[in-house]
Amino acid sequence: MRQMMIEDEKVLRPGIETMLGLPVSNIGAVETTSSLTNVSLWVDLDAAKQLDRFQPMLDAGKPYVAKGATFERPINYTTPWQLQPVSKI
């Protein structure tokens, strides 16, 4: 499944990168458990919900399900505050 995700990047990345309100997105894989994760930080809930309607993402999920993958619904949290690295200059 990790290889599938690497291949899907070619299709998914261009559309996701053009979405408004997405400062950070990290995709991860744990080979020992065949797990994949996507942690994205969005500026607000409306921005986050863009992925719910992003057809290439919805289509990309079907082959994973056919191989036995399950998906957890996204959890969208509001961000009351955040940390940034402190400059050490």
PDB file of N, CA and C in Angstrom:
ATOM      1  N   MET A   1       0.818  -1.198   0.000  1.00  0.00           N
ATOM      2  CA  MET A   1       0.000   0.000   0.000  1.00  0.00           C
ATOM      3  C   MET A   1       0.862   1.262   0.000  1.00  0.00           C
ATOM      4  N   ARG A   2       2.029   1.160   0.610  1.00  0.00           N
ATOM      5  CA  ARG A   2       2.923   2.317   0.615  1.00  0.00           C
ATOM      6  C   ARG A   2       3.283   2.709  -0.816  1.00  0.00           C
ATOM      7  N   GLN A   3       3.581   1.710  -1.645  1.00  0.00           N
ATOM      8  CA  GLN A   3       3.926   1.991  -3.036  1.00  0.00           C
ATOM      9  C   GLN A   3       2.744   2.607  -3.777  1.00  0.00           C
ATOM     10  N   MET A   4       1.550   2.140  -3.476  1.00  0.00           N
ATOM     11  CA  MET A   4       0.355   2.731  -4.092  1.00  0.00           C
ATOM     12  C   MET A   4       0.262   4.212  -3.743  1.00  0.00           C
ATOM     13  N   MET A   5       0.532   4.537  -2.485  1.00  0.00           N
ATOM     14  CA  MET A   5       0.446   5.929  -2.048  1.00  0.00           C
ATOM     15  C   MET A   5       1.497   6.786  -2.746  1.00  0.00           C
ATOM     16  N   ILE A   6       2.682   6.236  -2.925  1.00  0.00           N
ATOM     17  CA  ILE A   6       3.730   6.969  -3.642  1.00  0.00           C
ATOM     18  C   ILE A   6       3.274   7.264  -5.071  1.00  0.00           C
ATOM     19  N   GLU A   7       2.664   6.279  -5.713  1.00  0.00           N
ATOM     20  CA  GLU A   7       2.171   6.471  -7.080  1.00  0.00           C
ATOM     21  C   GLU A   7       1.008   7.461  -7.122  1.00  0.00           C
ATOM     22  N   ASP A   8       0.148   7.434  -6.122  1.00  0.00           N
ATOM     23  CA  ASP A   8      -1.003   8.351  -6.083  1.00  0.00           C
ATOM     24  C   ASP A   8      -0.581   9.805  -5.905  1.00  0.00           C
ATOM     25  N   GLU A   9       0.607  10.018  -5.373  1.00  0.00           N
ATOM     26  CA  GLU A   9       1.073  11.390  -5.175  1.00  0.00           C
ATOM     27  C   GLU A   9       1.040  12.181  -6.482  1.00  0.00           C
ATOM     28  N   LYS A  10       1.382  11.536  -7.585  1.00  0.00           N
ATOM     29  CA  LYS A  10       1.411  12.215  -8.885  1.00  0.00           C
ATOM     30  C   LYS A  10       0.050  12.793  -9.254  1.00  0.00           C
ATOM     31  N   VAL A  11      -1.007  12.107  -8.861  1.00  0.00           N
ATOM     32  CA  VAL A  11      -2.368  12.545  -9.177  1.00  0.00           C
ATOM     33  C   VAL A  11      -2.895  13.507  -8.115  1.00  0.00           C
ATOM     34  N   LEU A  12      -2.629  13.220  -6.849  1.00  0.00           N
ATOM     35  CA  LEU A  12      -3.228  13.981  -5.755  1.00  0.00           C
ATOM     36  C   LEU A  12      -2.520  15.301  -5.454  1.00  0.00           C
ATOM     37  N   ARG A  13      -1.210  15.299  -5.492  1.00  0.00           N
ATOM     38  CA  ARG A  13      -0.447  16.480  -5.076  1.00  0.00           C
ATOM     39  C   ARG A  13      -0.836  17.757  -5.822  1.00  0.00           C
ATOM     40  N   PRO A  14      -0.907  17.758  -7.153  1.00  0.00           N
ATOM     41  CA  PRO A  14      -1.212  19.018  -7.842  1.00  0.00           C
ATOM     42  C   PRO A  14      -2.528  19.658  -7.397  1.00  0.00           C
ATOM     43  N   GLY A  15      -3.556  18.868  -7.208  1.00  0.00           N
ATOM     44  CA  GLY A  15      -4.844  19.407  -6.779  1.00  0.00           C
ATOM     45  C   GLY A  15      -4.841  19.872  -5.337  1.00  0.00           C
ATOM     46  N   ILE A  16      -4.209  19.106  -4.472  1.00  0.00           N
ATOM     47  CA  ILE A  16      -4.167  19.464  -3.052  1.00  0.00           C
ATOM     48  C   ILE A  16      -3.349  20.737  -2.850  1.00  0.00           C
ATOM     49  N   GLU A  17      -2.250  20.860  -3.581  1.00  0.00           N
ATOM     50  CA  GLU A  17      -1.405  22.048  -3.421  1.00  0.00           C
ATOM     51  C   GLU A  17      -2.112  23.338  -3.834  1.00  0.00           C
ATOM     52  N   THR A  18      -3.127  23.243  -4.668  1.00  0.00           N
ATOM     53  CA  THR A  18      -3.850  24.451  -5.088  1.00  0.00           C
ATOM     54  C   THR A  18      -4.997  24.811  -4.150  1.00  0.00           C
ATOM     55  N   MET A  19      -5.292  23.962  -3.174  1.00  0.00           N
ATOM     56  CA  MET A  19      -6.394  24.247  -2.255  1.00  0.00           C
ATOM     57  C   MET A  19      -6.038  25.411  -1.338  1.00  0.00           C
ATOM     58  N   LEU A  20      -6.998  26.290  -1.144  1.00  0.00           N
ATOM     59  CA  LEU A  20      -6.798  27.442  -0.277  1.00  0.00           C
ATOM     60  C   LEU A  20      -6.792  27.017   1.186  1.00  0.00           C
ATOM     61  N   GLY A  21      -5.918  27.614   1.972  1.00  0.00           N
ATOM     62  CA  GLY A  21      -5.937  27.399   3.413  1.00  0.00           C
ATOM     63  C   GLY A  21      -5.197  26.183   3.911  1.00  0.00           C
ATOM     64  N   LEU A  22      -4.256  25.670   3.135  1.00  0.00           N
ATOM     65  CA  LEU A  22      -3.495  24.485   3.548  1.00  0.00           C
ATOM     66  C   LEU A  22      -2.022  24.842   3.728  1.00  0.00           C
ATOM     67  N   PRO A  23      -1.612  25.199   4.952  1.00  0.00           N
ATOM     68  CA  PRO A  23      -0.200  25.519   5.157  1.00  0.00           C
ATOM     69  C   PRO A  23       0.703  24.292   5.256  1.00  0.00           C
ATOM     70  N   VAL A  24       0.172  23.140   5.759  1.00  0.00           N
ATOM     71  CA  VAL A  24       1.011  21.961   5.982  1.00  0.00           C
ATOM     72  C   VAL A  24       0.205  20.690   5.742  1.00  0.00           C
ATOM     73  N   SER A  25       0.822  19.726   5.056  1.00  0.00           N
ATOM     74  CA  SER A  25       0.230  18.401   4.907  1.00  0.00           C
ATOM     75  C   SER A  25       1.362  17.380   4.942  1.00  0.00           C
ATOM     76  N   ASN A  26       1.214  16.371   5.785  1.00  0.00           N
ATOM     77  CA  ASN A  26       2.224  15.319   5.905  1.00  0.00           C
ATOM     78  C   ASN A  26       1.566  13.970   5.682  1.00  0.00           C
ATOM     79  N   ILE A  27       2.175  13.176   4.821  1.00  0.00           N
ATOM     80  CA  ILE A  27       1.700  11.832   4.542  1.00  0.00           C
ATOM     81  C   ILE A  27       2.742  10.876   5.113  1.00  0.00           C
ATOM     82  N   GLY A  28       2.287   9.872   5.852  1.00  0.00           N
ATOM     83  CA  GLY A  28       3.223   8.942   6.468  1.00  0.00           C
ATOM     84  C   GLY A  28       2.825   7.497   6.232  1.00  0.00           C
ATOM     85  N   ALA A  29       3.793   6.605   6.391  1.00  0.00           N
ATOM     86  CA  ALA A  29       3.552   5.177   6.225  1.00  0.00           C
ATOM     87  C   ALA A  29       4.344   4.410   7.278  1.00  0.00           C
ATOM     88  N   VAL A  30       3.701   3.388   7.839  1.00  0.00           N
ATOM     89  CA  VAL A  30       4.372   2.473   8.762  1.00  0.00           C
ATOM     90  C   VAL A  30       4.315   1.101   8.102  1.00  0.00           C
ATOM     91  N   GLU A  31       5.449   0.654   7.614  1.00  0.00           N
ATOM     92  CA  GLU A  31       5.470  -0.576   6.830  1.00  0.00           C
ATOM     93  C   GLU A  31       5.136  -1.815   7.651  1.00  0.00           C
ATOM     94  N   THR A  32       5.532  -1.848   8.923  1.00  0.00           N
ATOM     95  CA  THR A  32       5.299  -3.047   9.732  1.00  0.00           C
ATOM     96  C   THR A  32       3.821  -3.299   9.983  1.00  0.00           C
ATOM     97  N   THR A  33       3.005  -2.237   9.936  1.00  0.00           N
ATOM     98  CA  THR A  33       1.564  -2.404  10.156  1.00  0.00           C
ATOM     99  C   THR A  33       0.748  -2.111   8.900  1.00  0.00           C
ATOM    100  N   SER A  34       1.432  -1.826   7.792  1.00  0.00           N
ATOM    101  CA  SER A  34       0.761  -1.440   6.540  1.00  0.00           C
ATOM    102  C   SER A  34      -0.198  -0.281   6.770  1.00  0.00           C
ATOM    103  N   SER A  35       0.213   0.665   7.597  1.00  0.00           N
ATOM    104  CA  SER A  35      -0.629   1.817   7.925  1.00  0.00           C
ATOM    105  C   SER A  35      -0.166   3.048   7.160  1.00  0.00           C
ATOM    106  N   LEU A  36      -1.130   3.850   6.769  1.00  0.00           N
ATOM    107  CA  LEU A  36      -0.866   5.136   6.135  1.00  0.00           C
ATOM    108  C   LEU A  36      -1.572   6.205   6.939  1.00  0.00           C
ATOM    109  N   THR A  37      -1.017   7.389   6.962  1.00  0.00           N
ATOM    110  CA  THR A  37      -1.672   8.486   7.662  1.00  0.00           C
ATOM    111  C   THR A  37      -1.508   9.773   6.871  1.00  0.00           C
ATOM    112  N   ASN A  38      -2.453  10.655   7.057  1.00  0.00           N
ATOM    113  CA  ASN A  38      -2.407  11.983   6.455  1.00  0.00           C
ATOM    114  C   ASN A  38      -2.774  12.970   7.552  1.00  0.00           C
ATOM    115  N   VAL A  39      -1.840  13.823   7.906  1.00  0.00           N
ATOM    116  CA  VAL A  39      -2.099  14.867   8.890  1.00  0.00           C
ATOM    117  C   VAL A  39      -1.945  16.198   8.173  1.00  0.00           C
ATOM    118  N   SER A  40      -3.039  16.918   8.056  1.00  0.00           N
ATOM    119  CA  SER A  40      -3.032  18.208   7.372  1.00  0.00           C
ATOM    120  C   SER A  40      -3.481  19.290   8.339  1.00  0.00           C
ATOM    121  N   LEU A  41      -2.841  20.433   8.243  1.00  0.00           N
ATOM    122  CA  LEU A  41      -3.233  21.590   9.038  1.00  0.00           C
ATOM    123  C   LEU A  41      -3.887  22.594   8.103  1.00  0.00           C
ATOM    124  N   TRP A  42      -5.099  22.998   8.441  1.00  0.00           N
ATOM    125  CA  TRP A  42      -5.866  23.922   7.616  1.00  0.00           C
ATOM    126  C   TRP A  42      -6.162  25.184   8.417  1.00  0.00           C
ATOM    127  N   VAL A  43      -6.428  26.273   7.704  1.00  0.00           N
ATOM    128  CA  VAL A  43      -6.685  27.538   8.397  1.00  0.00           C
ATOM    129  C   VAL A  43      -8.056  27.573   9.054  1.00  0.00           C
ATOM    130  N   ASP A  44      -9.020  26.817   8.530  1.00  0.00           N
ATOM    131  CA  ASP A  44     -10.346  26.759   9.143  1.00  0.00           C
ATOM    132  C   ASP A  44     -11.074  25.504   8.660  1.00  0.00           C
ATOM    133  N   LEU A  45     -12.239  25.256   9.236  1.00  0.00           N
ATOM    134  CA  LEU A  45     -12.994  24.040   8.933  1.00  0.00           C
ATOM    135  C   LEU A  45     -13.437  23.991   7.476  1.00  0.00           C
ATOM    136  N   ASP A  46     -13.865  25.118   6.922  1.00  0.00           N
ATOM    137  CA  ASP A  46     -14.276  25.130   5.514  1.00  0.00           C
ATOM    138  C   ASP A  46     -13.125  24.709   4.604  1.00  0.00           C
ATOM    139  N   ALA A  47     -11.939  25.192   4.892  1.00  0.00           N
ATOM    140  CA  ALA A  47     -10.773  24.803   4.097  1.00  0.00           C
ATOM    141  C   ALA A  47     -10.516  23.301   4.227  1.00  0.00           C
ATOM    142  N   ALA A  48     -10.616  22.773   5.435  1.00  0.00           N
ATOM    143  CA  ALA A  48     -10.367  21.350   5.667  1.00  0.00           C
ATOM    144  C   ALA A  48     -11.353  20.471   4.913  1.00  0.00           C
ATOM    145  N   LYS A  49     -12.573  20.925   4.789  1.00  0.00           N
ATOM    146  CA  LYS A  49     -13.608  20.116   4.146  1.00  0.00           C
ATOM    147  C   LYS A  49     -13.451  20.033   2.628  1.00  0.00           C
ATOM    148  N   GLN A  50     -12.480  20.754   2.075  1.00  0.00           N
ATOM    149  CA  GLN A  50     -12.231  20.646   0.638  1.00  0.00           C
ATOM    150  C   GLN A  50     -11.876  19.215   0.239  1.00  0.00           C
ATOM    151  N   LEU A  51     -11.165  18.509   1.106  1.00  0.00           N
ATOM    152  CA  LEU A  51     -10.788  17.131   0.786  1.00  0.00           C
ATOM    153  C   LEU A  51     -12.000  16.211   0.723  1.00  0.00           C
ATOM    154  N   ASP A  52     -13.074  16.549   1.435  1.00  0.00           N
ATOM    155  CA  ASP A  52     -14.288  15.732   1.402  1.00  0.00           C
ATOM    156  C   ASP A  52     -14.900  15.704   0.005  1.00  0.00           C
ATOM    157  N   ARG A  53     -14.605  16.730  -0.793  1.00  0.00           N
ATOM    158  CA  ARG A  53     -15.188  16.852  -2.133  1.00  0.00           C
ATOM    159  C   ARG A  53     -14.156  16.668  -3.246  1.00  0.00           C
ATOM    160  N   PHE A  54     -12.939  16.376  -2.889  1.00  0.00           N
ATOM    161  CA  PHE A  54     -11.863  16.273  -3.880  1.00  0.00           C
ATOM    162  C   PHE A  54     -11.941  14.904  -4.553  1.00  0.00           C
ATOM    163  N   GLN A  55     -12.545  14.874  -5.735  1.00  0.00           N
ATOM    164  CA  GLN A  55     -12.844  13.613  -6.413  1.00  0.00           C
ATOM    165  C   GLN A  55     -11.613  12.734  -6.644  1.00  0.00           C
ATOM    166  N   PRO A  56     -10.461  13.275  -7.031  1.00  0.00           N
ATOM    167  CA  PRO A  56      -9.297  12.386  -7.178  1.00  0.00           C
ATOM    168  C   PRO A  56      -8.944  11.642  -5.883  1.00  0.00           C
ATOM    169  N   MET A  57      -9.132  12.278  -4.738  1.00  0.00           N
ATOM    170  CA  MET A  57      -8.866  11.623  -3.454  1.00  0.00           C
ATOM    171  C   MET A  57      -9.901  10.523  -3.210  1.00  0.00           C
ATOM    172  N   LEU A  58     -11.160  10.821  -3.497  1.00  0.00           N
ATOM    173  CA  LEU A  58     -12.215   9.824  -3.308  1.00  0.00           C
ATOM    174  C   LEU A  58     -11.988   8.621  -4.222  1.00  0.00           C
ATOM    175  N   ASP A  59     -11.616   8.885  -5.469  1.00  0.00           N
ATOM    176  CA  ASP A  59     -11.353   7.800  -6.416  1.00  0.00           C
ATOM    177  C   ASP A  59     -10.127   6.987  -6.012  1.00  0.00           C
ATOM    178  N   ALA A  60      -9.114   7.654  -5.496  1.00  0.00           N
ATOM    179  CA  ALA A  60      -7.873   6.967  -5.114  1.00  0.00           C
ATOM    180  C   ALA A  60      -8.100   5.976  -3.980  1.00  0.00           C
ATOM    181  N   GLY A  61      -9.109   6.195  -3.157  1.00  0.00           N
ATOM    182  CA  GLY A  61      -9.358   5.302  -2.028  1.00  0.00           C
ATOM    183  C   GLY A  61      -9.881   3.933  -2.416  1.00  0.00           C
ATOM    184  N   LYS A  62     -10.536   3.833  -3.550  1.00  0.00           N
ATOM    185  CA  LYS A  62     -11.180   2.569  -3.945  1.00  0.00           C
ATOM    186  C   LYS A  62     -10.207   1.392  -4.059  1.00  0.00           C
ATOM    187  N   PRO A  63      -9.046   1.543  -4.698  1.00  0.00           N
ATOM    188  CA  PRO A  63      -8.115   0.404  -4.753  1.00  0.00           C
ATOM    189  C   PRO A  63      -7.597  -0.031  -3.378  1.00  0.00           C
ATOM    190  N   TYR A  64      -7.487   0.911  -2.453  1.00  0.00           N
ATOM    191  CA  TYR A  64      -7.048   0.561  -1.099  1.00  0.00           C
ATOM    192  C   TYR A  64      -8.103  -0.300  -0.405  1.00  0.00           C
ATOM    193  N   VAL A  65      -9.350   0.092  -0.556  1.00  0.00           N
ATOM    194  CA  VAL A  65     -10.447  -0.687   0.032  1.00  0.00           C
ATOM    195  C   VAL A  65     -10.467  -2.086  -0.580  1.00  0.00           C
ATOM    196  N   ALA A  66     -10.242  -2.174  -1.884  1.00  0.00           N
ATOM    197  CA  ALA A  66     -10.220  -3.475  -2.554  1.00  0.00           C
ATOM    198  C   ALA A  66      -9.109  -4.370  -2.006  1.00  0.00           C
ATOM    199  N   LYS A  67      -8.042  -3.778  -1.491  1.00  0.00           N
ATOM    200  CA  LYS A  67      -6.940  -4.550  -0.892  1.00  0.00           C
ATOM    201  C   LYS A  67      -7.124  -4.764   0.608  1.00  0.00           C
ATOM    202  N   GLY A  68      -8.287  -4.344   1.145  1.00  0.00           N
ATOM    203  CA  GLY A  68      -8.584  -4.590   2.549  1.00  0.00           C
ATOM    204  C   GLY A  68      -8.358  -3.420   3.486  1.00  0.00           C
ATOM    205  N   ALA A  69      -8.017  -2.268   2.948  1.00  0.00           N
ATOM    206  CA  ALA A  69      -7.788  -1.099   3.804  1.00  0.00           C
ATOM    207  C   ALA A  69      -9.107  -0.572   4.352  1.00  0.00           C
ATOM    208  N   THR A  70      -9.026   0.030   5.513  1.00  0.00           N
ATOM    209  CA  THR A  70     -10.168   0.740   6.081  1.00  0.00           C
ATOM    210  C   THR A  70      -9.750   2.184   6.305  1.00  0.00           C
ATOM    211  N   PHE A  71     -10.718   3.063   6.268  1.00  0.00           N
ATOM    212  CA  PHE A  71     -10.451   4.486   6.441  1.00  0.00           C
ATOM    213  C   PHE A  71     -11.198   5.002   7.656  1.00  0.00           C
ATOM    214  N   GLU A  72     -10.542   5.848   8.408  1.00  0.00           N
ATOM    215  CA  GLU A  72     -11.199   6.544   9.507  1.00  0.00           C
ATOM    216  C   GLU A  72     -11.583   7.924   9.010  1.00  0.00           C
ATOM    217  N   ARG A  73     -12.757   8.370   9.407  1.00  0.00           N
ATOM    218  CA  ARG A  73     -13.194   9.707   9.004  1.00  0.00           C
ATOM    219  C   ARG A  73     -12.241  10.743   9.575  1.00  0.00           C
ATOM    220  N   PRO A  74     -12.001  11.796   8.825  1.00  0.00           N
ATOM    221  CA  PRO A  74     -11.126  12.853   9.340  1.00  0.00           C
ATOM    222  C   PRO A  74     -11.689  13.477  10.612  1.00  0.00           C
ATOM    223  N   ILE A  75     -10.799  13.840  11.483  1.00  0.00           N
ATOM    224  CA  ILE A  75     -11.169  14.573  12.691  1.00  0.00           C
ATOM    225  C   ILE A  75     -10.653  15.987  12.507  1.00  0.00           C
ATOM    226  N   ASN A  76     -11.552  16.947  12.542  1.00  0.00           N
ATOM    227  CA  ASN A  76     -11.177  18.339  12.339  1.00  0.00           C
ATOM    228  C   ASN A  76     -11.252  19.077  13.668  1.00  0.00           C
ATOM    229  N   TYR A  77     -10.114  19.538  14.124  1.00  0.00           N
ATOM    230  CA  TYR A  77     -10.018  20.291  15.368  1.00  0.00           C
ATOM    231  C   TYR A  77      -9.829  21.770  15.057  1.00  0.00           C
ATOM    232  N   THR A  78     -10.416  22.621  15.882  1.00  0.00           N
ATOM    233  CA  THR A  78     -10.077  24.036  15.794  1.00  0.00           C
ATOM    234  C   THR A  78      -8.760  24.246  16.531  1.00  0.00           C
ATOM    235  N   THR A  79      -8.066  25.298  16.194  1.00  0.00           N
ATOM    236  CA  THR A  79      -6.747  25.551  16.768  1.00  0.00           C
ATOM    237  C   THR A  79      -6.774  26.828  17.589  1.00  0.00           C
ATOM    238  N   PRO A  80      -6.920  26.720  18.911  1.00  0.00           N
ATOM    239  CA  PRO A  80      -6.943  27.926  19.732  1.00  0.00           C
ATOM    240  C   PRO A  80      -5.579  28.610  19.826  1.00  0.00           C
ATOM    241  N   TRP A  81      -4.498  27.858  19.639  1.00  0.00           N
ATOM    242  CA  TRP A  81      -3.158  28.439  19.602  1.00  0.00           C
ATOM    243  C   TRP A  81      -2.226  27.433  18.956  1.00  0.00           C
ATOM    244  N   GLN A  82      -1.070  27.910  18.532  1.00  0.00           N
ATOM    245  CA  GLN A  82      -0.083  27.022  17.931  1.00  0.00           C
ATOM    246  C   GLN A  82       1.320  27.487  18.296  1.00  0.00           C
ATOM    247  N   LEU A  83       2.267  26.575  18.169  1.00  0.00           N
ATOM    248  CA  LEU A  83       3.667  26.869  18.470  1.00  0.00           C
ATOM    249  C   LEU A  83       4.455  27.011  17.175  1.00  0.00           C
ATOM    250  N   GLN A  84       5.385  27.912  17.186  1.00  0.00           N
ATOM    251  CA  GLN A  84       6.323  28.090  16.086  1.00  0.00           C
ATOM    252  C   GLN A  84       7.723  27.972  16.680  1.00  0.00           C
ATOM    253  N   PRO A  85       8.690  27.489  15.913  1.00  0.00           N
ATOM    254  CA  PRO A  85      10.055  27.439  16.441  1.00  0.00           C
ATOM    255  C   PRO A  85      10.536  28.834  16.838  1.00  0.00           C
ATOM    256  N   VAL A  86      11.261  28.890  17.937  1.00  0.00           N
ATOM    257  CA  VAL A  86      11.829  30.152  18.402  1.00  0.00           C
ATOM    258  C   VAL A  86      13.194  30.327  17.745  1.00  0.00           C
ATOM    259  N   SER A  87      13.416  31.473  17.171  1.00  0.00           N
ATOM    260  CA  SER A  87      14.690  31.755  16.519  1.00  0.00           C
ATOM    261  C   SER A  87      15.823  31.706  17.541  1.00  0.00           C
ATOM    262  N   LYS A  88      16.914  31.063  17.195  1.00  0.00           N
ATOM    263  CA  LYS A  88      18.080  30.936  18.086  1.00  0.00           C
ATOM    264  C   LYS A  88      19.204  31.883  17.662  1.00  0.00           C
ATOM    265  N   ILE A  89      18.871  32.926  16.945  1.00  0.00           N
ATOM    266  CA  ILE A  89      19.888  33.868  16.447  1.00  0.00           C
ATOM    267  C   ILE A  89      20.403  34.739  17.563  1.00  0.00           C
TER     268      ILE A  89
END
